[in-house]
């Protein structure tokens, strides 16, 4: 295992990490209206977990 990660790989991994975060909380009333209670993770484009799905970075 190498000691350092080169910059390109580090940037790719950082992008993958940003994609798996929940959407902001204000997207729920914006999409569904004021009364509906939905989890903001539903609006996340890429759903990935470090143990389940691996990246190709």
C-alpha atoms as a PDB file:
ATOM      1  CA  UNK A   1       0.000   0.000   0.000  1.00  0.00           C
ATOM      2  CA  UNK A   2       1.474   3.328  -1.009  1.00  0.00           C
ATOM      3  CA  UNK A   3       1.954   6.109   1.459  1.00  0.00           C
ATOM      4  CA  UNK A   4       0.650   8.949  -0.712  1.00  0.00           C
ATOM      5  CA  UNK A   5      -2.422   9.304  -2.920  1.00  0.00           C
ATOM      6  CA  UNK A   6      -1.735  11.303  -6.055  1.00  0.00           C
ATOM      7  CA  UNK A   7      -3.787  14.452  -6.507  1.00  0.00           C
ATOM      8  CA  UNK A   8      -5.947  13.262  -9.411  1.00  0.00           C
ATOM      9  CA  UNK A   9      -7.163  10.211  -7.490  1.00  0.00           C
ATOM     10  CA  UNK A  10      -7.751  12.305  -4.382  1.00  0.00           C
ATOM     11  CA  UNK A  11      -9.931  14.741  -6.349  1.00  0.00           C
ATOM     12  CA  UNK A  12     -11.917  11.883  -7.906  1.00  0.00           C
ATOM     13  CA  UNK A  13     -12.560  10.356  -4.484  1.00  0.00           C
ATOM     14  CA  UNK A  14     -13.593  13.755  -3.088  1.00  0.00           C
ATOM     15  CA  UNK A  15     -16.136  14.134  -5.891  1.00  0.00           C
ATOM     16  CA  UNK A  16     -17.555  10.656  -5.188  1.00  0.00           C
ATOM     17  CA  UNK A  17     -17.891  11.568  -1.515  1.00  0.00           C
ATOM     18  CA  UNK A  18     -19.802  14.754  -2.329  1.00  0.00           C
ATOM     19  CA  UNK A  19     -22.210  12.846  -4.580  1.00  0.00           C
ATOM     20  CA  UNK A  20     -23.324  10.505  -1.811  1.00  0.00           C
ATOM     21  CA  UNK A  21     -24.302  13.217   0.684  1.00  0.00           C
ATOM     22  CA  UNK A  22     -27.932  13.964   1.429  1.00  0.00           C
ATOM     23  CA  UNK A  23     -29.618  16.726  -0.485  1.00  0.00           C
ATOM     24  CA  UNK A  24     -30.162  19.993   1.440  1.00  0.00           C
ATOM     25  CA  UNK A  25     -33.183  20.020   3.756  1.00  0.00           C
ATOM     26  CA  UNK A  26     -34.845  22.900   1.893  1.00  0.00           C
ATOM     27  CA  UNK A  27     -35.279  20.755  -1.251  1.00  0.00           C
ATOM     28  CA  UNK A  28     -38.106  18.792   0.420  1.00  0.00           C
ATOM     29  CA  UNK A  29     -40.663  21.653   0.719  1.00  0.00           C
ATOM     30  CA  UNK A  30     -39.475  23.011  -2.629  1.00  0.00           C
ATOM     31  CA  UNK A  31     -40.342  19.768  -4.441  1.00  0.00           C
ATOM     32  CA  UNK A  32     -43.325  18.450  -2.473  1.00  0.00           C
ATOM     33  CA  UNK A  33     -44.832  21.521  -0.783  1.00  0.00           C
ATOM     34  CA  UNK A  34     -44.978  22.484   2.876  1.00  0.00           C
ATOM     35  CA  UNK A  35     -46.924  19.560   4.333  1.00  0.00           C
ATOM     36  CA  UNK A  36     -45.048  16.539   2.985  1.00  0.00           C
ATOM     37  CA  UNK A  37     -42.319  15.009   5.129  1.00  0.00           C
ATOM     38  CA  UNK A  38     -39.758  13.134   3.064  1.00  0.00           C
ATOM     39  CA  UNK A  39     -36.159  12.235   3.847  1.00  0.00           C
ATOM     40  CA  UNK A  40     -33.695  14.456   1.955  1.00  0.00           C
ATOM     41  CA  UNK A  41     -31.580  11.401   1.093  1.00  0.00           C
ATOM     42  CA  UNK A  42     -34.234  10.540  -1.449  1.00  0.00           C
ATOM     43  CA  UNK A  43     -33.066  13.404  -3.662  1.00  0.00           C
ATOM     44  CA  UNK A  44     -29.448  12.254  -3.731  1.00  0.00           C
ATOM     45  CA  UNK A  45     -28.376  11.272  -7.229  1.00  0.00           C
ATOM     46  CA  UNK A  46     -25.767   8.616  -6.455  1.00  0.00           C
ATOM     47  CA  UNK A  47     -26.449   6.305  -3.524  1.00  0.00           C
ATOM     48  CA  UNK A  48     -23.312   4.440  -2.534  1.00  0.00           C
ATOM     49  CA  UNK A  49     -21.926   3.030   0.688  1.00  0.00           C
ATOM     50  CA  UNK A  50     -18.252   2.288   1.249  1.00  0.00           C
ATOM     51  CA  UNK A  51     -19.036  -1.309   2.123  1.00  0.00           C
ATOM     52  CA  UNK A  52     -21.692  -2.149  -0.485  1.00  0.00           C
ATOM     53  CA  UNK A  53     -20.787  -0.453  -3.754  1.00  0.00           C
ATOM     54  CA  UNK A  54     -17.228   0.295  -4.806  1.00  0.00           C
ATOM     55  CA  UNK A  55     -16.068   3.100  -7.085  1.00  0.00           C
ATOM     56  CA  UNK A  56     -13.707   2.798 -10.019  1.00  0.00           C
ATOM     57  CA  UNK A  57     -11.547   5.716  -8.895  1.00  0.00           C
END
